[in-house]
Amino acid sequence: MYHHIEGELALLGSTRAVVDAGGVGYECRIPLSTFSALKGREHSRVRLFTHLHVLEDDLRLYGFASERERELFRVVTAISGVGPAIALAILASFDPGEFAGAIARSDAKALQRIKGVGTKLSERLVLELKDRVEALAALAGPGQPPTQGRPVEGGVEAQVLADAVAILVELGFSPKEAKTKVDGALGRLLATAREAPGPTGSKASAITVETIVQAALRTRS
């Protein structure tokens, strides 16, 4: 029904964005990657590719920074048992290319790292999407540039960690679980940075909300 919305980014949260278009504020649920693409762009003009999800008397608008992400969202929500919450968790855990790779390898275990995806659902995803691997792979490619965070030099901004915790809570974790997962993910990312070869200033890329959440979702602990 709606292809996209373009207007001023009036409000941005870790899981939602409000776009003022023609004097109307459209609230869109957004995935982690879209939050990263929009961060720092409040009150500037943006475009979100949209999907209107209809469930009985509940209408919800979802917004995406790229058409690839919207298409992956639509592909997976067409599968029985996969709702918008799980689709957003998939987008938080994998980029489209990584997801296509997991399906191509029939790697159901990798899919079980996604919040809300158990053994049966992961196997159903592999089974039902196996013949669409080429189409899924076509979704991979250069998307929105990642939002850069502060380089790893003794710490990460508190707001980055707070945003990561908020996203995990929205995905279904308790605040305590979310905080534990974020702390663990940050520790692993910092350890990897310390072990990487090269000069101190170049041995790690910036740690962002997106990298922390992805690292947190890639472990069951």
C-alpha atoms as a PDB file:
ATOM      1  CA  MET A   1       0.000   0.000   0.000  1.00  0.00           C
ATOM      2  CA  TYR A   2       2.813   2.403   0.896  1.00  0.00           C
ATOM      3  CA  HIS A   3       6.056   2.177  -1.083  1.00  0.00           C
ATOM      4  CA  HIS A   4       8.008   4.734   0.910  1.00  0.00           C
ATOM      5  CA  ILE A   5       7.699   7.761   3.142  1.00  0.00           C
ATOM      6  CA  GLU A   6       9.871  10.840   2.736  1.00  0.00           C
ATOM      7  CA  GLY A   7       9.994  13.749   5.114  1.00  0.00           C
ATOM      8  CA  GLU A   8      11.633  15.149   8.214  1.00  0.00           C
ATOM      9  CA  LEU A   9      12.870  12.677  10.806  1.00  0.00           C
ATOM     10  CA  ALA A  10      10.945  14.098  13.753  1.00  0.00           C
ATOM     11  CA  LEU A  11      11.830  11.417  16.302  1.00  0.00           C
ATOM     12  CA  LEU A  12      14.235   8.484  16.408  1.00  0.00           C
ATOM     13  CA  GLY A  13      14.289   5.687  18.950  1.00  0.00           C
ATOM     14  CA  SER A  14      16.183   2.428  18.975  1.00  0.00           C
ATOM     15  CA  THR A  15      13.182   0.563  17.533  1.00  0.00           C
ATOM     16  CA  ARG A  16      11.003   3.265  15.962  1.00  0.00           C
ATOM     17  CA  ALA A  17      11.186   6.371  13.827  1.00  0.00           C
ATOM     18  CA  VAL A  18       8.627   9.117  13.287  1.00  0.00           C
ATOM     19  CA  VAL A  19       8.718  10.785   9.881  1.00  0.00           C
ATOM     20  CA  ASP A  20       6.809  14.056   9.431  1.00  0.00           C
ATOM     21  CA  ALA A  21       5.440  14.006   5.872  1.00  0.00           C
ATOM     22  CA  GLY A  22       2.952  16.671   4.866  1.00  0.00           C
ATOM     23  CA  GLY A  23       2.201  17.586   8.454  1.00  0.00           C
ATOM     24  CA  VAL A  24       1.412  13.991   9.457  1.00  0.00           C
ATOM     25  CA  GLY A  25       3.757  12.069  11.726  1.00  0.00           C
ATOM     26  CA  TYR A  26       4.119   8.467  10.541  1.00  0.00           C
ATOM     27  CA  GLU A  27       5.455   6.135  13.224  1.00  0.00           C
ATOM     28  CA  CYS A  28       7.442   3.244  11.789  1.00  0.00           C
ATOM     29  CA  ARG A  29       8.893   0.248  13.568  1.00  0.00           C
ATOM     30  CA  ILE A  30      12.465  -0.122  12.370  1.00  0.00           C
ATOM     31  CA  PRO A  31      15.215  -2.770  12.427  1.00  0.00           C
ATOM     32  CA  LEU A  32      18.609  -2.229  14.005  1.00  0.00           C
ATOM     33  CA  SER A  33      20.310  -1.527  10.670  1.00  0.00           C
ATOM     34  CA  THR A  34      17.849   1.278   9.901  1.00  0.00           C
ATOM     35  CA  PHE A  35      18.374   2.791  13.353  1.00  0.00           C
ATOM     36  CA  SER A  36      22.122   2.833  12.666  1.00  0.00           C
ATOM     37  CA  ALA A  37      21.590   4.456   9.261  1.00  0.00           C
ATOM     38  CA  LEU A  38      19.338   7.166  10.714  1.00  0.00           C
ATOM     39  CA  LYS A  39      21.256   7.950  13.889  1.00  0.00           C
ATOM     40  CA  GLY A  40      22.417  11.557  13.935  1.00  0.00           C
ATOM     41  CA  ARG A  41      19.957  12.577  11.210  1.00  0.00           C
ATOM     42  CA  GLU A  42      17.146  13.867  13.422  1.00  0.00           C
ATOM     43  CA  HIS A  43      15.312  16.856  11.890  1.00  0.00           C
ATOM     44  CA  SER A  44      16.808  16.217   8.461  1.00  0.00           C
ATOM     45  CA  ARG A  45      15.005  14.856   5.413  1.00  0.00           C
ATOM     46  CA  VAL A  46      14.982  11.062   5.128  1.00  0.00           C
ATOM     47  CA  ARG A  47      13.306   8.353   3.082  1.00  0.00           C
ATOM     48  CA  LEU A  48      12.113   5.033   4.496  1.00  0.00           C
ATOM     49  CA  PHE A  49      10.877   2.118   2.410  1.00  0.00           C
ATOM     50  CA  THR A  50       7.733   0.933   4.115  1.00  0.00           C
ATOM     51  CA  HIS A  51       5.609  -2.134   4.720  1.00  0.00           C
ATOM     52  CA  LEU A  52       2.127  -2.009   6.226  1.00  0.00           C
ATOM     53  CA  HIS A  53       1.466  -5.092   8.342  1.00  0.00           C
ATOM     54  CA  VAL A  54      -2.217  -5.904   8.856  1.00  0.00           C
ATOM     55  CA  LEU A  55      -3.329  -8.329  11.575  1.00  0.00           C
ATOM     56  CA  GLU A  56      -7.040  -8.317  12.376  1.00  0.00           C
ATOM     57  CA  ASP A  57      -7.605  -4.802  13.805  1.00  0.00           C
ATOM     58  CA  ASP A  58      -3.915  -4.029  14.304  1.00  0.00           C
ATOM     59  CA  LEU A  59      -2.163  -1.939  11.631  1.00  0.00           C
ATOM     60  CA  ARG A  60       1.565  -1.343  11.986  1.00  0.00           C
ATOM     61  CA  LEU A  61       3.910   0.450   9.651  1.00  0.00           C
ATOM     62  CA  TYR A  62       7.494  -0.796   9.312  1.00  0.00           C
ATOM     63  CA  GLY A  63      10.277   1.311   7.840  1.00  0.00           C
ATOM     64  CA  PHE A  64      13.585   0.276   6.262  1.00  0.00           C
ATOM     65  CA  ALA A  65      16.639   2.197   5.121  1.00  0.00           C
ATOM     66  CA  SER A  66      16.995  -0.052   2.051  1.00  0.00           C
ATOM     67  CA  GLU A  67      14.695  -1.994  -0.238  1.00  0.00           C
ATOM     68  CA  ARG A  68      16.837  -5.112   0.352  1.00  0.00           C
ATOM     69  CA  GLU A  69      15.962  -5.144   4.038  1.00  0.00           C
ATOM     70  CA  ARG A  70      12.280  -4.608   3.305  1.00  0.00           C
ATOM     71  CA  GLU A  71      12.270  -7.474   0.825  1.00  0.00           C
ATOM     72  CA  LEU A  72      13.928  -9.850   3.309  1.00  0.00           C
ATOM     73  CA  PHE A  73      11.339  -8.796   5.895  1.00  0.00           C
ATOM     74  CA  ARG A  74       8.551  -9.627   3.438  1.00  0.00           C
ATOM     75  CA  VAL A  75      10.084 -12.946   2.405  1.00  0.00           C
ATOM     76  CA  VAL A  76      10.399 -14.275   5.941  1.00  0.00           C
ATOM     77  CA  THR A  77       7.052 -12.965   7.229  1.00  0.00           C
ATOM     78  CA  ALA A  78       5.359 -14.888   4.411  1.00  0.00           C
ATOM     79  CA  ILE A  79       6.406 -18.100   6.191  1.00  0.00           C
ATOM     80  CA  SER A  80       3.985 -19.586   8.693  1.00  0.00           C
ATOM     81  CA  GLY A  81       5.060 -18.877  12.242  1.00  0.00           C
ATOM     82  CA  VAL A  82       7.255 -15.901  11.368  1.00  0.00           C
ATOM     83  CA  GLY A  83       5.826 -12.574  12.491  1.00  0.00           C
ATOM     84  CA  PRO A  84       7.284  -9.065  12.346  1.00  0.00           C
ATOM     85  CA  ALA A  85       9.097  -9.462  15.686  1.00  0.00           C
ATOM     86  CA  ILE A  86      11.058 -12.481  14.461  1.00  0.00           C
ATOM     87  CA  ALA A  87      11.689 -10.816  11.100  1.00  0.00           C
ATOM     88  CA  LEU A  88      13.211  -7.806  12.874  1.00  0.00           C
ATOM     89  CA  ALA A  89      15.304 -10.163  15.009  1.00  0.00           C
ATOM     90  CA  ILE A  90      16.585 -11.813  11.811  1.00  0.00           C
ATOM     91  CA  LEU A  91      17.579  -8.412  10.438  1.00  0.00           C
ATOM     92  CA  ALA A  92      19.320  -7.625  13.737  1.00  0.00           C
ATOM     93  CA  SER A  93      21.273 -10.893  13.642  1.00  0.00           C
ATOM     94  CA  PHE A  94      22.177 -11.154   9.943  1.00  0.00           C
ATOM     95  CA  ASP A  95      22.555  -8.933   6.946  1.00  0.00           C
ATOM     96  CA  PRO A  96      20.693 -10.276   3.864  1.00  0.00           C
ATOM     97  CA  GLY A  97      23.840 -11.894   2.456  1.00  0.00           C
ATOM     98  CA  GLU A  98      24.675 -13.721   5.697  1.00  0.00           C
ATOM     99  CA  PHE A  99      21.097 -14.952   6.004  1.00  0.00           C
ATOM    100  CA  ALA A 100      21.171 -16.252   2.419  1.00  0.00           C
ATOM    101  CA  GLY A 101      24.416 -18.066   3.218  1.00  0.00           C
ATOM    102  CA  ALA A 102      22.915 -19.757   6.262  1.00  0.00           C
ATOM    103  CA  ILE A 103      19.949 -20.940   4.179  1.00  0.00           C
ATOM    104  CA  ALA A 104      22.241 -22.167   1.377  1.00  0.00           C
ATOM    105  CA  ARG A 105      24.284 -24.198   3.877  1.00  0.00           C
ATOM    106  CA  SER A 106      21.102 -25.515   5.548  1.00  0.00           C
ATOM    107  CA  ASP A 107      22.596 -24.121   8.748  1.00  0.00           C
ATOM    108  CA  ALA A 108      19.544 -24.365  10.982  1.00  0.00           C
ATOM    109  CA  LYS A 109      21.742 -24.083  14.078  1.00  0.00           C
ATOM    110  CA  ALA A 110      22.921 -20.635  13.064  1.00  0.00           C
ATOM    111  CA  LEU A 111      19.305 -19.527  12.728  1.00  0.00           C
ATOM    112  CA  GLN A 112      18.545 -20.746  16.243  1.00  0.00           C
ATOM    113  CA  ARG A 113      20.641 -17.885  17.597  1.00  0.00           C
ATOM    114  CA  ILE A 114      17.805 -15.583  16.569  1.00  0.00           C
ATOM    115  CA  LYS A 115      15.491 -14.621  19.432  1.00  0.00           C
ATOM    116  CA  GLY A 116      12.237 -16.574  19.082  1.00  0.00           C
ATOM    117  CA  VAL A 117      13.586 -19.126  16.589  1.00  0.00           C
ATOM    118  CA  GLY A 118      13.725 -22.661  17.934  1.00  0.00           C
ATOM    119  CA  THR A 119      14.625 -25.961  16.298  1.00  0.00           C
ATOM    120  CA  LYS A 120      11.355 -26.474  14.413  1.00  0.00           C
ATOM    121  CA  LEU A 121      11.118 -22.933  13.082  1.00  0.00           C
ATOM    122  CA  SER A 122      14.783 -22.837  12.020  1.00  0.00           C
ATOM    123  CA  GLU A 123      14.285 -26.074  10.075  1.00  0.00           C
ATOM    124  CA  ARG A 124      11.124 -24.681   8.473  1.00  0.00           C
ATOM    125  CA  LEU A 125      12.985 -21.544   7.399  1.00  0.00           C
ATOM    126  CA  VAL A 126      15.682 -23.651   5.732  1.00  0.00           C
ATOM    127  CA  LEU A 127      13.137 -25.950   4.076  1.00  0.00           C
ATOM    128  CA  GLU A 128      10.831 -23.243   2.751  1.00  0.00           C
ATOM    129  CA  LEU A 129      13.561 -20.851   1.636  1.00  0.00           C
ATOM    130  CA  LYS A 130      15.988 -23.382   0.164  1.00  0.00           C
ATOM    131  CA  ASP A 131      14.636 -22.912  -3.351  1.00  0.00           C
ATOM    132  CA  ARG A 132      14.865 -19.131  -2.979  1.00  0.00           C
ATOM    133  CA  VAL A 133      18.553 -18.942  -2.148  1.00  0.00           C
ATOM    134  CA  GLU A 134      19.423 -17.162  -5.394  1.00  0.00           C
ATOM    135  CA  ALA A 135      16.725 -14.575  -4.792  1.00  0.00           C
ATOM    136  CA  LEU A 136      17.898 -14.130  -1.210  1.00  0.00           C
ATOM    137  CA  ALA A 137      21.517 -13.815  -2.316  1.00  0.00           C
ATOM    138  CA  ALA A 138      20.470 -11.078  -4.740  1.00  0.00           C
ATOM    139  CA  LEU A 139      19.391  -9.072  -1.702  1.00  0.00           C
ATOM    140  CA  ALA A 140      23.013  -8.925  -0.544  1.00  0.00           C
ATOM    141  CA  GLY A 141      25.065  -5.983  -1.589  1.00  0.00           C
ATOM    142  CA  PRO A 142      26.100  -2.538  -0.498  1.00  0.00           C
ATOM    143  CA  GLY A 143      23.462  -1.031   1.740  1.00  0.00           C
ATOM    144  CA  GLN A 144      23.407   2.049   3.886  1.00  0.00           C
ATOM    145  CA  PRO A 145      26.817   3.042   5.249  1.00  0.00           C
ATOM    146  CA  PRO A 146      27.254   1.991   8.869  1.00  0.00           C
ATOM    147  CA  THR A 147      27.033   4.616  11.539  1.00  0.00           C
ATOM    148  CA  GLN A 148      30.453   5.112  13.016  1.00  0.00           C
ATOM    149  CA  GLY A 149      30.847   4.976  16.771  1.00  0.00           C
ATOM    150  CA  ARG A 150      33.742   6.057  18.927  1.00  0.00           C
ATOM    151  CA  PRO A 151      36.947   4.076  18.196  1.00  0.00           C
ATOM    152  CA  VAL A 152      37.878   1.435  20.764  1.00  0.00           C
ATOM    153  CA  GLU A 153      40.326   3.281  22.983  1.00  0.00           C
ATOM    154  CA  GLY A 154      39.507   2.404  26.555  1.00  0.00           C
ATOM    155  CA  GLY A 155      35.732   2.527  26.292  1.00  0.00           C
ATOM    156  CA  VAL A 156      32.543   2.991  24.326  1.00  0.00           C
ATOM    157  CA  GLU A 157      30.027   5.790  24.788  1.00  0.00           C
ATOM    158  CA  ALA A 158      27.402   5.040  27.430  1.00  0.00           C
ATOM    159  CA  GLN A 159      24.612   5.936  24.989  1.00  0.00           C
ATOM    160  CA  VAL A 160      25.801   3.258  22.558  1.00  0.00           C
ATOM    161  CA  LEU A 161      25.497   0.615  25.281  1.00  0.00           C
ATOM    162  CA  ALA A 162      22.122   1.970  26.434  1.00  0.00           C
ATOM    163  CA  ASP A 163      20.765   1.827  22.869  1.00  0.00           C
ATOM    164  CA  ALA A 164      22.009  -1.757  22.477  1.00  0.00           C
ATOM    165  CA  VAL A 165      20.273  -2.804  25.707  1.00  0.00           C
ATOM    166  CA  ALA A 166      17.035  -1.085  24.600  1.00  0.00           C
ATOM    167  CA  ILE A 167      17.029  -2.951  21.294  1.00  0.00           C
ATOM    168  CA  LEU A 168      17.519  -6.330  22.999  1.00  0.00           C
ATOM    169  CA  VAL A 169      14.663  -5.549  25.400  1.00  0.00           C
ATOM    170  CA  GLU A 170      12.447  -4.736  22.415  1.00  0.00           C
ATOM    171  CA  LEU A 171      13.440  -8.087  20.904  1.00  0.00           C
ATOM    172  CA  GLY A 172      12.098  -9.905  23.966  1.00  0.00           C
ATOM    173  CA  PHE A 173      14.946 -10.115  26.483  1.00  0.00           C
ATOM    174  CA  SER A 174      14.465  -8.953  30.052  1.00  0.00           C
ATOM    175  CA  PRO A 175      16.437  -5.820  30.994  1.00  0.00           C
ATOM    176  CA  LYS A 176      18.775  -7.961  33.108  1.00  0.00           C
ATOM    177  CA  GLU A 177      19.350 -10.459  30.255  1.00  0.00           C
ATOM    178  CA  ALA A 178      19.886  -7.615  27.797  1.00  0.00           C
ATOM    179  CA  LYS A 179      22.453  -5.911  30.029  1.00  0.00           C
ATOM    180  CA  THR A 180      24.305  -9.211  30.555  1.00  0.00           C
ATOM    181  CA  LYS A 181      24.374  -9.921  26.832  1.00  0.00           C
ATOM    182  CA  VAL A 182      25.581  -6.422  25.962  1.00  0.00           C
ATOM    183  CA  ASP A 183      28.342  -6.577  28.584  1.00  0.00           C
ATOM    184  CA  GLY A 184      29.461  -9.975  27.276  1.00  0.00           C
ATOM    185  CA  ALA A 185      29.373  -8.837  23.645  1.00  0.00           C
ATOM    186  CA  LEU A 186      31.336  -5.698  24.425  1.00  0.00           C
ATOM    187  CA  GLY A 187      33.961  -7.726  26.262  1.00  0.00           C
ATOM    188  CA  ARG A 188      34.390 -10.059  23.288  1.00  0.00           C
ATOM    189  CA  LEU A 189      34.607  -7.172  20.826  1.00  0.00           C
ATOM    190  CA  LEU A 190      37.229  -5.398  22.925  1.00  0.00           C
ATOM    191  CA  ALA A 191      39.226  -8.622  23.310  1.00  0.00           C
ATOM    192  CA  THR A 192      39.157  -9.161  19.541  1.00  0.00           C
ATOM    193  CA  ALA A 193      40.339  -5.593  19.005  1.00  0.00           C
ATOM    194  CA  ARG A 194      43.231  -6.041  21.410  1.00  0.00           C
ATOM    195  CA  GLU A 195      44.320  -9.266  19.694  1.00  0.00           C
ATOM    196  CA  ALA A 196      44.168  -7.860  16.166  1.00  0.00           C
ATOM    197  CA  PRO A 197      47.550  -7.159  14.539  1.00  0.00           C
ATOM    198  CA  GLY A 198      48.671  -3.710  13.556  1.00  0.00           C
ATOM    199  CA  PRO A 199      49.152  -0.332  15.204  1.00  0.00           C
ATOM    200  CA  THR A 200      46.904   0.521  18.133  1.00  0.00           C
ATOM    201  CA  GLY A 201      44.958   3.090  16.167  1.00  0.00           C
ATOM    202  CA  SER A 202      44.135   0.736  13.294  1.00  0.00           C
ATOM    203  CA  LYS A 203      43.686  -2.711  14.840  1.00  0.00           C
ATOM    204  CA  ALA A 204      39.945  -2.325  15.405  1.00  0.00           C
ATOM    205  CA  SER A 205      37.107  -0.629  13.612  1.00  0.00           C
ATOM    206  CA  ALA A 206      34.611   1.449  15.565  1.00  0.00           C
ATOM    207  CA  ILE A 207      32.218  -0.365  17.867  1.00  0.00           C
ATOM    208  CA  THR A 208      28.617   0.649  17.175  1.00  0.00           C
ATOM    209  CA  VAL A 209      25.178  -0.231  18.485  1.00  0.00           C
ATOM    210  CA  GLU A 210      24.761  -2.554  15.515  1.00  0.00           C
ATOM    211  CA  THR A 211      27.983  -4.518  16.081  1.00  0.00           C
ATOM    212  CA  ILE A 212      27.240  -4.916  19.796  1.00  0.00           C
ATOM    213  CA  VAL A 213      23.687  -6.177  19.215  1.00  0.00           C
ATOM    214  CA  GLN A 214      24.821  -8.579  16.484  1.00  0.00           C
ATOM    215  CA  ALA A 215      27.540  -9.958  18.751  1.00  0.00           C
ATOM    216  CA  ALA A 216      25.055 -10.298  21.616  1.00  0.00           C
ATOM    217  CA  LEU A 217      22.587 -12.223  19.444  1.00  0.00           C
ATOM    218  CA  ARG A 218      25.219 -14.618  18.151  1.00  0.00           C
ATOM    219  CA  THR A 219      25.552 -16.424  21.472  1.00  0.00           C
ATOM    220  CA  ARG A 220      23.092 -18.325  23.595  1.00  0.00           C
ATOM    221  CA  SER A 221      24.825 -17.347  26.843  1.00  0.00           C
END
